Amino acid sequence: MNFPSKLVENAVEQLSSLPGIGKKSALRLVLYLLKKDKLSVEKFGDAFIDLINNINYCSSCYSISTSNLCEICANPKRNSDIICVVEDIRVMMAIESTGQYKGVYHILGGLISPIEGIGPSEIRVEELISRVNNNVTEIIFALSTTMEGDTTNYYLFRRLKEYNIKISSIARGISIGDELEYTDEITLAAAISSRMPYSE
């Protein structure tokens, strides 16, 4: 692809490094931004600079936050006795959008996948175990119904079963192999409400 300017080429290279954006899509976006007024483009860029410089992660659940604790963990109206274990923040956001869950979360930051070389030490398993104390009464597994999700569920169950807490899993109204972030709110709400005890 021939570019009219090195500046355009550099901008296309950066945008095309994002997932799901090829060179043609990146070029279209760059040309669109060039049509915008300078202030709008500066605000666009500043938003990402501000994000990188000021974002934090919750010290409890590892969600994205601007302070030590995220809004959910800091909310006294949330039930901290129940922890919902999710793969990433996208799943947490999907569950939150249902309005059905009033507990707190633990974001693993991935799933166990031997094929990809991701073991328990690469995700936040130990951090979850350290959160299990006398106040926690239930752990909910809300992981995708994929082989990686089931492998992670099983590993966590083996680690947690010695504790005197209820271990449950979201209901399997969600199709096997489905990614939770793409599940509609009604199905996801029903799955959370109809969770069942997790067993081997």
C-alpha atoms as a PDB file:
ATOM      1  CA  MET A   1       0.000   0.000   0.000  1.00  0.00           C
ATOM      2  CA  ASN A   2       1.461   3.338  -1.065  1.00  0.00           C
ATOM      3  CA  PHE A   3       0.891   6.240   1.318  1.00  0.00           C
ATOM      4  CA  PRO A   4       0.901   9.924   0.385  1.00  0.00           C
ATOM      5  CA  SER A   5       2.797  10.762   3.572  1.00  0.00           C
ATOM      6  CA  LYS A   6       4.953   9.053   6.197  1.00  0.00           C
ATOM      7  CA  LEU A   7       2.668  10.632   8.819  1.00  0.00           C
ATOM      8  CA  VAL A   8      -0.348   8.843   7.329  1.00  0.00           C
ATOM      9  CA  GLU A   9       1.615   5.596   7.126  1.00  0.00           C
ATOM     10  CA  ASN A  10       2.633   5.818  10.800  1.00  0.00           C
ATOM     11  CA  ALA A  11      -0.959   6.496  11.869  1.00  0.00           C
ATOM     12  CA  VAL A  12      -2.223   3.536   9.803  1.00  0.00           C
ATOM     13  CA  GLU A  13       0.465   1.269  11.314  1.00  0.00           C
ATOM     14  CA  GLN A  14      -0.629   2.173  14.839  1.00  0.00           C
ATOM     15  CA  LEU A  15      -4.356   1.716  14.201  1.00  0.00           C
ATOM     16  CA  SER A  16      -3.870  -1.552  12.306  1.00  0.00           C
ATOM     17  CA  SER A  17      -2.027  -2.971  15.325  1.00  0.00           C
ATOM     18  CA  LEU A  18      -5.380  -3.036  17.161  1.00  0.00           C
ATOM     19  CA  PRO A  19      -7.318  -6.335  17.086  1.00  0.00           C
ATOM     20  CA  GLY A  20      -9.815  -6.627  14.245  1.00  0.00           C
ATOM     21  CA  ILE A  21      -8.520  -3.620  12.307  1.00  0.00           C
ATOM     22  CA  GLY A  22      -6.713  -4.252   9.033  1.00  0.00           C
ATOM     23  CA  LYS A  23      -4.688  -1.782   6.989  1.00  0.00           C
ATOM     24  CA  LYS A  24      -7.651  -0.735   4.815  1.00  0.00           C
ATOM     25  CA  SER A  25      -9.908  -0.103   7.810  1.00  0.00           C
ATOM     26  CA  ALA A  26      -7.078   1.776   9.526  1.00  0.00           C
ATOM     27  CA  LEU A  27      -6.560   3.973   6.466  1.00  0.00           C
ATOM     28  CA  ARG A  28     -10.279   4.745   6.326  1.00  0.00           C
ATOM     29  CA  LEU A  29     -10.212   5.794   9.996  1.00  0.00           C
ATOM     30  CA  VAL A  30      -7.099   7.942   9.508  1.00  0.00           C
ATOM     31  CA  LEU A  31      -8.661   9.733   6.520  1.00  0.00           C
ATOM     32  CA  TYR A  32     -11.850  10.243   8.548  1.00  0.00           C
ATOM     33  CA  LEU A  33      -9.864  11.804  11.413  1.00  0.00           C
ATOM     34  CA  LEU A  34      -8.086  14.109   8.967  1.00  0.00           C
ATOM     35  CA  LYS A  35     -11.482  15.550   7.986  1.00  0.00           C
ATOM     36  CA  LYS A  36     -12.288  16.376  11.628  1.00  0.00           C
ATOM     37  CA  ASP A  37     -11.287  19.660  13.205  1.00  0.00           C
ATOM     38  CA  LYS A  38      -7.984  19.723  15.089  1.00  0.00           C
ATOM     39  CA  LEU A  39      -9.591  20.123  18.534  1.00  0.00           C
ATOM     40  CA  SER A  40     -11.758  17.010  18.077  1.00  0.00           C
ATOM     41  CA  VAL A  41      -8.756  14.902  17.078  1.00  0.00           C
ATOM     42  CA  GLU A  42      -6.710  16.240  19.994  1.00  0.00           C
ATOM     43  CA  LYS A  43      -9.537  15.325  22.411  1.00  0.00           C
ATOM     44  CA  PHE A  44      -9.614  11.857  20.819  1.00  0.00           C
ATOM     45  CA  GLY A  45      -5.889  11.376  21.367  1.00  0.00           C
ATOM     46  CA  ASP A  46      -5.906  12.942  24.845  1.00  0.00           C
ATOM     47  CA  ALA A  47      -8.570  10.465  25.973  1.00  0.00           C
ATOM     48  CA  PHE A  48      -6.167   7.564  25.371  1.00  0.00           C
ATOM     49  CA  ILE A  49      -3.180   9.348  26.897  1.00  0.00           C
ATOM     50  CA  ASP A  50      -5.316  10.103  29.968  1.00  0.00           C
ATOM     51  CA  LEU A  51      -6.431   6.468  30.080  1.00  0.00           C
ATOM     52  CA  ILE A  52      -2.891   5.089  30.042  1.00  0.00           C
ATOM     53  CA  ASN A  53      -1.528   7.618  32.536  1.00  0.00           C
ATOM     54  CA  ASN A  54      -4.329   7.524  35.096  1.00  0.00           C
ATOM     55  CA  ILE A  55      -5.985   4.109  35.032  1.00  0.00           C
ATOM     56  CA  ASN A  56      -5.495   1.736  37.967  1.00  0.00           C
ATOM     57  CA  TYR A  57      -6.675  -1.743  38.822  1.00  0.00           C
ATOM     58  CA  CYS A  58      -8.818  -2.501  41.862  1.00  0.00           C
ATOM     59  CA  SER A  59      -6.685  -4.002  44.620  1.00  0.00           C
ATOM     60  CA  SER A  60      -9.501  -6.413  45.484  1.00  0.00           C
ATOM     61  CA  CYS A  61     -11.148  -7.671  42.277  1.00  0.00           C
ATOM     62  CA  TYR A  62      -8.659  -6.374  39.641  1.00  0.00           C
ATOM     63  CA  SER A  63     -11.267  -4.463  37.669  1.00  0.00           C
ATOM     64  CA  ILE A  64     -10.295  -1.235  35.926  1.00  0.00           C
ATOM     65  CA  SER A  65     -10.516   1.653  38.374  1.00  0.00           C
ATOM     66  CA  THR A  66      -9.328   5.189  38.983  1.00  0.00           C
ATOM     67  CA  SER A  67      -8.728   4.532  42.688  1.00  0.00           C
ATOM     68  CA  ASN A  68      -7.514   1.751  44.964  1.00  0.00           C
ATOM     69  CA  LEU A  69     -10.953   0.112  45.041  1.00  0.00           C
ATOM     70  CA  CYS A  70     -13.382   0.037  42.125  1.00  0.00           C
ATOM     71  CA  GLU A  71     -16.917   1.394  42.513  1.00  0.00           C
ATOM     72  CA  ILE A  72     -18.361  -2.102  43.019  1.00  0.00           C
ATOM     73  CA  CYS A  73     -15.930  -3.205  45.741  1.00  0.00           C
ATOM     74  CA  ALA A  74     -16.225   0.181  47.493  1.00  0.00           C
ATOM     75  CA  ASN A  75     -20.035   0.102  47.446  1.00  0.00           C
ATOM     76  CA  PRO A  76     -21.327  -0.855  50.937  1.00  0.00           C
ATOM     77  CA  LYS A  77     -24.614  -2.007  49.382  1.00  0.00           C
ATOM     78  CA  ARG A  78     -22.864  -4.824  47.498  1.00  0.00           C
ATOM     79  CA  ASN A  79     -22.759  -8.243  49.155  1.00  0.00           C
ATOM     80  CA  SER A  80     -19.049  -8.949  49.691  1.00  0.00           C
ATOM     81  CA  ASP A  81     -19.910 -12.458  50.969  1.00  0.00           C
ATOM     82  CA  ILE A  82     -20.462 -13.617  47.381  1.00  0.00           C
ATOM     83  CA  ILE A  83     -17.675 -13.537  44.793  1.00  0.00           C
ATOM     84  CA  CYS A  84     -18.418 -14.061  41.104  1.00  0.00           C
ATOM     85  CA  VAL A  85     -15.330 -15.309  39.248  1.00  0.00           C
ATOM     86  CA  VAL A  86     -15.041 -14.055  35.665  1.00  0.00           C
ATOM     87  CA  GLU A  87     -12.419 -14.222  32.933  1.00  0.00           C
ATOM     88  CA  ASP A  88     -12.139 -10.511  32.199  1.00  0.00           C
ATOM     89  CA  ILE A  89     -13.775  -7.112  32.632  1.00  0.00           C
ATOM     90  CA  ARG A  90     -15.969  -7.588  29.536  1.00  0.00           C
ATOM     91  CA  VAL A  91     -17.788 -10.490  31.206  1.00  0.00           C
ATOM     92  CA  MET A  92     -18.121  -8.499  34.421  1.00  0.00           C
ATOM     93  CA  MET A  93     -19.675  -5.625  32.460  1.00  0.00           C
ATOM     94  CA  ALA A  94     -22.070  -8.040  30.736  1.00  0.00           C
ATOM     95  CA  ILE A  95     -23.238  -9.453  34.086  1.00  0.00           C
ATOM     96  CA  GLU A  96     -23.543  -5.970  35.597  1.00  0.00           C
ATOM     97  CA  SER A  97     -25.775  -4.883  32.718  1.00  0.00           C
ATOM     98  CA  THR A  98     -28.354  -7.501  33.762  1.00  0.00           C
ATOM     99  CA  GLY A  99     -28.892  -5.756  37.115  1.00  0.00           C
ATOM    100  CA  GLN A 100     -29.433  -9.177  38.728  1.00  0.00           C
ATOM    101  CA  TYR A 101     -26.183  -9.686  40.619  1.00  0.00           C
ATOM    102  CA  LYS A 102     -25.478  -7.809  43.859  1.00  0.00           C
ATOM    103  CA  GLY A 103     -22.253  -9.445  45.011  1.00  0.00           C
ATOM    104  CA  VAL A 104     -18.640  -8.630  44.115  1.00  0.00           C
ATOM    105  CA  TYR A 105     -16.286 -10.009  41.458  1.00  0.00           C
ATOM    106  CA  HIS A 106     -12.883 -11.539  40.944  1.00  0.00           C
ATOM    107  CA  ILE A 107     -11.325 -11.038  37.513  1.00  0.00           C
ATOM    108  CA  LEU A 108      -8.934 -13.873  36.673  1.00  0.00           C
ATOM    109  CA  GLY A 109      -7.362 -12.142  33.697  1.00  0.00           C
ATOM    110  CA  GLY A 110      -7.599 -15.232  31.495  1.00  0.00           C
ATOM    111  CA  LEU A 111      -8.372 -18.952  31.472  1.00  0.00           C
ATOM    112  CA  ILE A 112      -6.187 -22.002  31.930  1.00  0.00           C
ATOM    113  CA  SER A 113      -5.151 -23.229  28.474  1.00  0.00           C
ATOM    114  CA  PRO A 114      -2.335 -25.801  28.275  1.00  0.00           C
ATOM    115  CA  ILE A 115      -2.362 -25.519  24.456  1.00  0.00           C
ATOM    116  CA  GLU A 116      -1.509 -21.812  24.703  1.00  0.00           C
ATOM    117  CA  GLY A 117       0.881 -22.358  27.600  1.00  0.00           C
ATOM    118  CA  ILE A 118      -1.371 -20.591  30.128  1.00  0.00           C
ATOM    119  CA  GLY A 119      -1.278 -22.314  33.494  1.00  0.00           C
ATOM    120  CA  PRO A 120      -2.775 -21.417  36.890  1.00  0.00           C
ATOM    121  CA  SER A 121       0.229 -19.220  37.726  1.00  0.00           C
ATOM    122  CA  GLU A 122      -0.502 -16.992  34.692  1.00  0.00           C
ATOM    123  CA  ILE A 123      -3.951 -16.004  35.969  1.00  0.00           C
ATOM    124  CA  ARG A 124      -5.118 -14.650  39.352  1.00  0.00           C
ATOM    125  CA  VAL A 125      -5.843 -17.930  41.127  1.00  0.00           C
ATOM    126  CA  GLU A 126      -3.749 -17.287  44.242  1.00  0.00           C
ATOM    127  CA  GLU A 127      -5.296 -13.836  44.583  1.00  0.00           C
ATOM    128  CA  LEU A 128      -8.745 -15.477  44.605  1.00  0.00           C
ATOM    129  CA  ILE A 129      -7.689 -18.040  47.216  1.00  0.00           C
ATOM    130  CA  SER A 130      -6.362 -15.238  49.429  1.00  0.00           C
ATOM    131  CA  ARG A 131      -9.787 -13.551  49.321  1.00  0.00           C
ATOM    132  CA  VAL A 132     -11.544 -16.600  50.739  1.00  0.00           C
ATOM    133  CA  ASN A 133     -12.032 -15.858  54.423  1.00  0.00           C
ATOM    134  CA  ASN A 134     -14.692 -16.278  57.110  1.00  0.00           C
ATOM    135  CA  ASN A 135     -16.924 -13.672  55.460  1.00  0.00           C
ATOM    136  CA  VAL A 136     -17.138 -15.358  52.040  1.00  0.00           C
ATOM    137  CA  THR A 137     -20.110 -17.719  51.812  1.00  0.00           C
ATOM    138  CA  GLU A 138     -20.278 -18.430  48.080  1.00  0.00           C
ATOM    139  CA  ILE A 139     -18.047 -18.484  45.004  1.00  0.00           C
ATOM    140  CA  ILE A 140     -19.833 -18.377  41.640  1.00  0.00           C
ATOM    141  CA  PHE A 141     -18.027 -19.645  38.554  1.00  0.00           C
ATOM    142  CA  ALA A 142     -19.099 -17.468  35.615  1.00  0.00           C
ATOM    143  CA  LEU A 143     -16.624 -18.631  33.003  1.00  0.00           C
ATOM    144  CA  SER A 144     -17.268 -19.333  29.329  1.00  0.00           C
ATOM    145  CA  THR A 145     -18.653 -22.787  28.541  1.00  0.00           C
ATOM    146  CA  THR A 146     -15.571 -23.717  26.536  1.00  0.00           C
ATOM    147  CA  MET A 147     -12.925 -26.365  27.221  1.00  0.00           C
ATOM    148  CA  GLU A 148     -10.680 -23.662  28.721  1.00  0.00           C
ATOM    149  CA  GLY A 149     -13.532 -22.383  30.882  1.00  0.00           C
ATOM    150  CA  ASP A 150     -14.395 -25.871  32.129  1.00  0.00           C
ATOM    151  CA  THR A 151     -10.718 -26.656  32.797  1.00  0.00           C
ATOM    152  CA  THR A 152     -10.422 -23.468  34.860  1.00  0.00           C
ATOM    153  CA  ASN A 153     -13.676 -24.223  36.719  1.00  0.00           C
ATOM    154  CA  TYR A 154     -12.409 -27.675  37.626  1.00  0.00           C
ATOM    155  CA  TYR A 155      -9.020 -26.401  38.797  1.00  0.00           C
ATOM    156  CA  LEU A 156     -10.619 -23.701  40.951  1.00  0.00           C
ATOM    157  CA  PHE A 157     -13.079 -26.223  42.392  1.00  0.00           C
ATOM    158  CA  ARG A 158     -10.217 -28.498  43.424  1.00  0.00           C
ATOM    159  CA  ARG A 159      -8.450 -25.567  45.091  1.00  0.00           C
ATOM    160  CA  LEU A 160     -11.557 -24.256  46.857  1.00  0.00           C
ATOM    161  CA  LYS A 161     -13.395 -27.414  47.935  1.00  0.00           C
ATOM    162  CA  GLU A 162     -11.456 -27.653  51.221  1.00  0.00           C
ATOM    163  CA  TYR A 163     -13.016 -24.360  52.340  1.00  0.00           C
ATOM    164  CA  ASN A 164     -16.420 -24.345  54.002  1.00  0.00           C
ATOM    165  CA  ILE A 165     -18.133 -22.296  51.305  1.00  0.00           C
ATOM    166  CA  LYS A 166     -20.792 -22.855  48.678  1.00  0.00           C
ATOM    167  CA  ILE A 167     -19.364 -23.251  45.175  1.00  0.00           C
ATOM    168  CA  SER A 168     -21.813 -22.700  42.347  1.00  0.00           C
ATOM    169  CA  SER A 169     -21.758 -22.299  38.592  1.00  0.00           C
ATOM    170  CA  ILE A 170     -23.989 -20.232  36.350  1.00  0.00           C
ATOM    171  CA  ALA A 171     -26.813 -22.241  34.802  1.00  0.00           C
ATOM    172  CA  ARG A 172     -26.075 -23.856  31.456  1.00  0.00           C
ATOM    173  CA  GLY A 173     -28.861 -22.091  29.590  1.00  0.00           C
ATOM    174  CA  ILE A 174     -25.905 -20.650  27.733  1.00  0.00           C
ATOM    175  CA  SER A 175     -24.849 -22.843  24.806  1.00  0.00           C
ATOM    176  CA  ILE A 176     -21.699 -24.897  25.132  1.00  0.00           C
ATOM    177  CA  GLY A 177     -18.825 -23.042  23.493  1.00  0.00           C
ATOM    178  CA  ASP A 178     -20.450 -19.605  23.809  1.00  0.00           C
ATOM    179  CA  GLU A 179     -18.451 -16.570  24.916  1.00  0.00           C
ATOM    180  CA  LEU A 180     -20.264 -14.863  27.803  1.00  0.00           C
ATOM    181  CA  GLU A 181     -19.542 -11.325  26.654  1.00  0.00           C
ATOM    182  CA  TYR A 182     -21.727 -11.926  23.571  1.00  0.00           C
ATOM    183  CA  THR A 183     -24.633 -13.507  25.479  1.00  0.00           C
ATOM    184  CA  ASP A 184     -27.814 -11.451  25.617  1.00  0.00           C
ATOM    185  CA  GLU A 185     -28.734  -9.828  28.941  1.00  0.00           C
ATOM    186  CA  ILE A 186     -31.916 -11.864  29.530  1.00  0.00           C
ATOM    187  CA  THR A 187     -30.148 -15.224  29.085  1.00  0.00           C
ATOM    188  CA  LEU A 188     -27.219 -14.085  31.221  1.00  0.00           C
ATOM    189  CA  ALA A 189     -29.520 -12.782  33.967  1.00  0.00           C
ATOM    190  CA  ALA A 190     -31.386 -16.114  34.007  1.00  0.00           C
ATOM    191  CA  ALA A 191     -28.099 -18.023  34.159  1.00  0.00           C
ATOM    192  CA  ILE A 192     -26.908 -15.994  37.163  1.00  0.00           C
ATOM    193  CA  SER A 193     -30.253 -16.309  38.978  1.00  0.00           C
ATOM    194  CA  SER A 194     -30.474 -20.055  38.284  1.00  0.00           C
ATOM    195  CA  ARG A 195     -26.914 -20.894  39.280  1.00  0.00           C
ATOM    196  CA  MET A 196     -26.342 -24.380  40.634  1.00  0.00           C
ATOM    197  CA  PRO A 197     -23.856 -26.039  42.978  1.00  0.00           C
ATOM    198  CA  TYR A 198     -20.634 -26.836  41.142  1.00  0.00           C
ATOM    199  CA  SER A 199     -19.645 -30.490  41.200  1.00  0.00           C
ATOM    200  CA  GLU A 200     -16.957 -32.635  39.655  1.00  0.00           C
END
